[in-house]
């Protein structure tokens, strides 16, 4: 099939920054756009997530929580983990407050 021309208006700074990054990868803008369109055709979807900034932050937060829970589970399963009683935790917190002059 013959080549088709596409004309797209984008912010000049966005184009310039994209070209710089693509150049570091060893790719030009035309190749990147062609790759994007081929991926859309092959996968029958846009190959990245489209979401609001809030949804993105929520996803990042959820991933952070999952990671921390996983690390906690590993620590809990480790027989070398030292467990503190409630009284030990409270005493430690009181000592930290006293060191800072908070009574």
N, C-alpha and C. Protein backbone atom coordinates (compact mmCIF):
# COMPACT_ATOMS: atom_id res chain seq x y z
N UNK A 1 0.85 -1.17 0.00
CA UNK A 1 0.00 0.00 0.00
C UNK A 1 0.89 1.24 0.00
N UNK A 2 0.49 2.29 -0.71
CA UNK A 2 1.32 3.51 -0.76
C UNK A 2 1.32 4.24 0.59
N UNK A 3 2.36 5.00 0.80
CA UNK A 3 2.48 5.78 2.03
C UNK A 3 1.43 6.90 2.04
N UNK A 4 0.94 7.22 3.22
CA UNK A 4 -0.02 8.30 3.40
C UNK A 4 0.61 9.36 4.30
N UNK A 5 0.32 10.60 4.04
CA UNK A 5 0.86 11.71 4.83
C UNK A 5 -0.16 12.10 5.89
N UNK A 6 0.35 12.37 7.10
CA UNK A 6 -0.49 12.84 8.20
C UNK A 6 0.05 14.19 8.62
N UNK A 7 -0.85 15.13 8.84
CA UNK A 7 -0.45 16.44 9.34
C UNK A 7 -1.09 16.63 10.72
N UNK A 8 -0.26 16.90 11.72
CA UNK A 8 -0.74 17.02 13.09
C UNK A 8 -0.20 18.31 13.69
N UNK A 9 -1.05 19.06 14.35
CA UNK A 9 -0.62 20.26 15.07
C UNK A 9 -0.39 19.91 16.53
N UNK A 10 0.82 20.18 17.00
CA UNK A 10 1.15 19.95 18.40
C UNK A 10 1.91 21.16 18.94
N UNK A 11 1.95 21.28 20.22
CA UNK A 11 2.72 22.33 20.87
C UNK A 11 4.19 22.19 20.46
N UNK A 12 4.80 23.28 20.05
CA UNK A 12 6.18 23.24 19.57
C UNK A 12 7.16 22.72 20.59
N UNK A 13 6.96 23.09 21.84
CA UNK A 13 7.87 22.63 22.90
C UNK A 13 7.73 21.13 23.12
N UNK A 14 6.49 20.63 23.05
CA UNK A 14 6.26 19.19 23.19
C UNK A 14 6.98 18.45 22.07
N UNK A 15 6.83 18.94 20.84
CA UNK A 15 7.49 18.30 19.70
C UNK A 15 9.00 18.28 19.89
N UNK A 16 9.56 19.43 20.28
CA UNK A 16 11.01 19.54 20.46
C UNK A 16 11.50 18.58 21.55
N UNK A 17 10.80 18.54 22.67
CA UNK A 17 11.20 17.64 23.76
C UNK A 17 11.08 16.18 23.35
N UNK A 18 10.00 15.86 22.63
CA UNK A 18 9.82 14.48 22.16
C UNK A 18 10.94 14.09 21.20
N UNK A 19 11.29 14.98 20.29
CA UNK A 19 12.37 14.69 19.34
C UNK A 19 13.69 14.47 20.07
N UNK A 20 13.94 15.25 21.11
CA UNK A 20 15.18 15.10 21.88
C UNK A 20 15.23 13.72 22.53
N UNK A 21 14.13 13.34 23.20
CA UNK A 21 14.09 12.04 23.88
C UNK A 21 14.17 10.90 22.87
N UNK A 22 13.43 11.00 21.79
CA UNK A 22 13.47 9.95 20.76
C UNK A 22 14.86 9.84 20.15
N UNK A 23 15.53 10.98 19.98
CA UNK A 23 16.89 10.96 19.46
C UNK A 23 17.83 10.19 20.36
N UNK A 24 17.63 10.34 21.68
CA UNK A 24 18.46 9.60 22.64
C UNK A 24 18.22 8.11 22.53
N UNK A 25 17.00 7.75 22.13
CA UNK A 25 16.65 6.34 21.95
C UNK A 25 17.16 5.83 20.60
N UNK A 26 17.41 6.77 19.68
CA UNK A 26 17.85 6.39 18.33
C UNK A 26 16.69 6.29 17.35
N UNK A 27 15.65 7.08 17.61
CA UNK A 27 14.44 7.02 16.78
C UNK A 27 14.03 8.45 16.42
N UNK A 28 13.45 8.60 15.23
CA UNK A 28 12.93 9.92 14.88
C UNK A 28 11.42 9.96 15.12
N UNK A 29 10.85 11.15 15.01
CA UNK A 29 9.44 11.35 15.30
C UNK A 29 8.54 10.56 14.36
N UNK A 30 8.89 10.51 13.09
CA UNK A 30 8.08 9.77 12.12
C UNK A 30 8.03 8.29 12.48
N UNK A 31 9.17 7.72 12.84
CA UNK A 31 9.21 6.30 13.21
C UNK A 31 8.39 6.05 14.47
N UNK A 32 8.48 6.96 15.45
CA UNK A 32 7.73 6.80 16.69
C UNK A 32 6.23 6.83 16.43
N UNK A 33 5.79 7.76 15.59
CA UNK A 33 4.36 7.85 15.28
C UNK A 33 3.91 6.63 14.50
N UNK A 34 4.73 6.17 13.55
CA UNK A 34 4.41 4.95 12.81
C UNK A 34 4.29 3.76 13.75
N UNK A 35 5.21 3.66 14.70
CA UNK A 35 5.19 2.58 15.68
C UNK A 35 3.92 2.65 16.53
N UNK A 36 3.54 3.85 16.95
CA UNK A 36 2.32 4.02 17.73
C UNK A 36 1.11 3.54 16.93
N UNK A 37 0.99 3.97 15.68
CA UNK A 37 -0.17 3.58 14.87
C UNK A 37 -0.19 2.08 14.60
N UNK A 38 0.97 1.49 14.33
CA UNK A 38 1.02 0.03 14.12
C UNK A 38 0.61 -0.73 15.38
N UNK A 39 1.01 -0.23 16.54
CA UNK A 39 0.64 -0.87 17.80
C UNK A 39 -0.86 -0.76 18.03
N UNK A 40 -1.44 0.39 17.73
CA UNK A 40 -2.90 0.55 17.85
C UNK A 40 -3.62 -0.45 16.97
N UNK A 41 -3.16 -0.61 15.75
CA UNK A 41 -3.79 -1.57 14.82
C UNK A 41 -3.62 -3.00 15.33
N UNK A 42 -2.41 -3.35 15.74
CA UNK A 42 -2.14 -4.71 16.19
C UNK A 42 -2.91 -5.07 17.45
N UNK A 43 -2.94 -4.16 18.43
CA UNK A 43 -3.57 -4.46 19.72
C UNK A 43 -5.04 -4.04 19.78
N UNK A 44 -5.47 -3.30 18.78
CA UNK A 44 -6.85 -2.80 18.72
C UNK A 44 -7.21 -1.98 19.96
N UNK A 45 -6.25 -1.18 20.41
CA UNK A 45 -6.45 -0.29 21.56
C UNK A 45 -5.30 0.70 21.58
N UNK A 46 -5.46 1.76 22.37
CA UNK A 46 -4.36 2.68 22.59
C UNK A 46 -3.42 1.99 23.57
N UNK A 47 -2.13 1.91 23.26
CA UNK A 47 -1.21 1.08 24.05
C UNK A 47 -0.71 1.72 25.35
N UNK A 48 -1.49 2.56 25.95
CA UNK A 48 -1.14 3.12 27.25
C UNK A 48 -2.42 3.54 27.94
N UNK A 49 -2.32 3.77 29.22
CA UNK A 49 -3.49 4.10 30.02
C UNK A 49 -3.85 5.57 29.87
N UNK A 50 -5.10 5.83 29.66
CA UNK A 50 -5.60 7.20 29.64
C UNK A 50 -6.45 7.39 30.89
N UNK A 51 -6.01 8.30 31.75
CA UNK A 51 -6.73 8.51 32.99
C UNK A 51 -6.46 9.91 33.50
N UNK A 52 -7.26 10.32 34.44
CA UNK A 52 -7.08 11.63 35.03
C UNK A 52 -5.85 11.63 35.93
N UNK A 53 -5.36 12.81 36.26
CA UNK A 53 -4.22 12.92 37.18
C UNK A 53 -4.55 12.28 38.52
N UNK A 54 -5.78 12.48 38.99
CA UNK A 54 -6.19 11.91 40.28
C UNK A 54 -6.15 10.38 40.22
N UNK A 55 -6.68 9.81 39.14
CA UNK A 55 -6.66 8.35 39.01
C UNK A 55 -5.23 7.83 38.96
N UNK A 56 -4.35 8.57 38.28
CA UNK A 56 -2.94 8.18 38.22
C UNK A 56 -2.34 8.18 39.62
N UNK A 57 -2.57 9.24 40.39
CA UNK A 57 -2.05 9.31 41.75
C UNK A 57 -2.61 8.19 42.61
N UNK A 58 -3.90 7.88 42.43
CA UNK A 58 -4.51 6.78 43.17
C UNK A 58 -3.83 5.45 42.82
N UNK A 59 -3.54 5.24 41.54
CA UNK A 59 -2.85 4.01 41.13
C UNK A 59 -1.45 3.93 41.75
N UNK A 60 -0.75 5.06 41.75
CA UNK A 60 0.60 5.08 42.35
C UNK A 60 0.50 4.77 43.84
N UNK A 61 -0.49 5.36 44.52
CA UNK A 61 -0.67 5.13 45.95
C UNK A 61 -1.01 3.66 46.21
N UNK A 62 -1.89 3.08 45.41
CA UNK A 62 -2.25 1.67 45.59
C UNK A 62 -1.04 0.76 45.39
N UNK A 63 -0.21 1.07 44.40
CA UNK A 63 0.99 0.26 44.17
C UNK A 63 1.94 0.39 45.34
N UNK A 64 2.07 1.59 45.89
CA UNK A 64 2.91 1.80 47.08
C UNK A 64 2.40 0.94 48.23
N UNK A 65 1.10 0.95 48.47
CA UNK A 65 0.51 0.16 49.57
C UNK A 65 0.75 -1.33 49.33
N UNK A 66 0.55 -1.80 48.10
CA UNK A 66 0.79 -3.22 47.79
C UNK A 66 2.25 -3.59 48.08
N UNK A 67 3.17 -2.73 47.67
CA UNK A 67 4.59 -2.99 47.89
C UNK A 67 4.92 -3.04 49.38
N UNK A 68 4.38 -2.08 50.13
CA UNK A 68 4.65 -2.05 51.57
C UNK A 68 4.04 -3.26 52.28
N UNK A 69 2.85 -3.66 51.86
CA UNK A 69 2.23 -4.85 52.46
C UNK A 69 3.05 -6.10 52.16
N UNK A 70 3.55 -6.19 50.93
CA UNK A 70 4.38 -7.33 50.55
C UNK A 70 5.65 -7.36 51.40
N UNK A 71 6.30 -6.20 51.55
CA UNK A 71 7.51 -6.14 52.38
C UNK A 71 7.19 -6.50 53.83
N UNK A 72 6.04 -6.05 54.32
CA UNK A 72 5.64 -6.38 55.69
C UNK A 72 5.42 -7.87 55.86
N UNK A 73 4.81 -8.48 54.85
CA UNK A 73 4.58 -9.92 54.93
C UNK A 73 5.91 -10.68 54.96
N UNK A 74 6.86 -10.25 54.14
CA UNK A 74 8.18 -10.90 54.16
C UNK A 74 8.84 -10.73 55.53
N UNK A 75 8.73 -9.54 56.09
CA UNK A 75 9.32 -9.28 57.40
C UNK A 75 8.63 -10.12 58.47
N UNK A 76 7.30 -10.22 58.37
CA UNK A 76 6.55 -11.00 59.37
C UNK A 76 6.91 -12.48 59.30
N UNK A 77 7.18 -12.96 58.10
CA UNK A 77 7.53 -14.38 57.92
C UNK A 77 8.97 -14.68 58.30
N UNK A 78 9.80 -13.66 58.46
CA UNK A 78 11.21 -13.84 58.80
C UNK A 78 11.32 -14.16 60.29
N UNK A 79 11.87 -15.32 60.63
CA UNK A 79 11.96 -15.70 62.05
C UNK A 79 12.88 -14.77 62.85
N UNK A 80 13.72 -13.98 62.19
CA UNK A 80 14.62 -13.06 62.89
C UNK A 80 13.94 -11.73 63.24
N UNK A 81 12.72 -11.55 62.78
CA UNK A 81 12.02 -10.29 63.05
C UNK A 81 11.76 -10.16 64.54
N UNK A 82 12.13 -9.01 65.10
CA UNK A 82 11.91 -8.75 66.52
C UNK A 82 10.57 -8.04 66.66
N UNK A 83 9.70 -8.62 67.43
CA UNK A 83 8.38 -8.04 67.67
C UNK A 83 8.38 -7.26 68.97
N UNK A 84 7.78 -6.10 68.95
CA UNK A 84 7.69 -5.27 70.14
C UNK A 84 6.28 -5.35 70.71
N UNK A 85 6.21 -5.34 72.02
CA UNK A 85 4.89 -5.31 72.66
C UNK A 85 4.34 -3.89 72.57
N UNK A 86 3.09 -3.74 72.86
CA UNK A 86 2.45 -2.42 72.87
C UNK A 86 3.18 -1.49 73.83
N UNK A 87 3.50 -2.00 75.02
CA UNK A 87 4.19 -1.18 76.02
C UNK A 87 5.57 -0.72 75.52
N UNK A 88 6.28 -1.60 74.82
CA UNK A 88 7.59 -1.22 74.28
C UNK A 88 7.47 -0.12 73.23
N UNK A 89 6.46 -0.22 72.39
CA UNK A 89 6.24 0.81 71.37
C UNK A 89 5.91 2.13 72.03
N UNK A 90 5.00 2.13 72.98
CA UNK A 90 4.60 3.36 73.68
C UNK A 90 5.81 3.97 74.40
N UNK A 91 6.60 3.14 75.07
CA UNK A 91 7.80 3.63 75.76
C UNK A 91 8.78 4.27 74.78
N UNK A 92 8.96 3.63 73.65
CA UNK A 92 9.86 4.17 72.62
C UNK A 92 9.38 5.51 72.09
N UNK A 93 8.07 5.62 71.86
CA UNK A 93 7.51 6.88 71.38
C UNK A 93 7.66 7.97 72.43
N UNK A 94 7.43 7.64 73.70
CA UNK A 94 7.60 8.62 74.79
C UNK A 94 9.04 9.10 74.85
N UNK A 95 9.98 8.18 74.71
CA UNK A 95 11.40 8.54 74.75
C UNK A 95 11.75 9.49 73.60
N UNK A 96 11.22 9.22 72.41
CA UNK A 96 11.48 10.09 71.26
C UNK A 96 10.90 11.48 71.49
N UNK A 97 9.70 11.54 72.05
CA UNK A 97 9.09 12.84 72.34
C UNK A 97 9.90 13.61 73.36
N UNK A 98 10.38 12.92 74.39
CA UNK A 98 11.19 13.58 75.43
C UNK A 98 12.50 14.11 74.86
N UNK A 99 13.13 13.32 73.95
CA UNK A 99 14.36 13.76 73.30
C UNK A 99 14.14 15.06 72.52
N UNK A 100 12.98 15.19 71.93
CA UNK A 100 12.66 16.38 71.14
C UNK A 100 12.08 17.51 71.99
N UNK A 101 11.91 17.25 73.29
CA UNK A 101 11.36 18.27 74.16
C UNK A 101 9.85 18.41 74.07
N UNK A 102 9.20 17.36 73.58
CA UNK A 102 7.74 17.36 73.47
C UNK A 102 7.21 16.51 74.63
N UNK A 103 6.45 17.11 75.48
CA UNK A 103 5.94 16.36 76.64
C UNK A 103 4.44 16.22 76.56
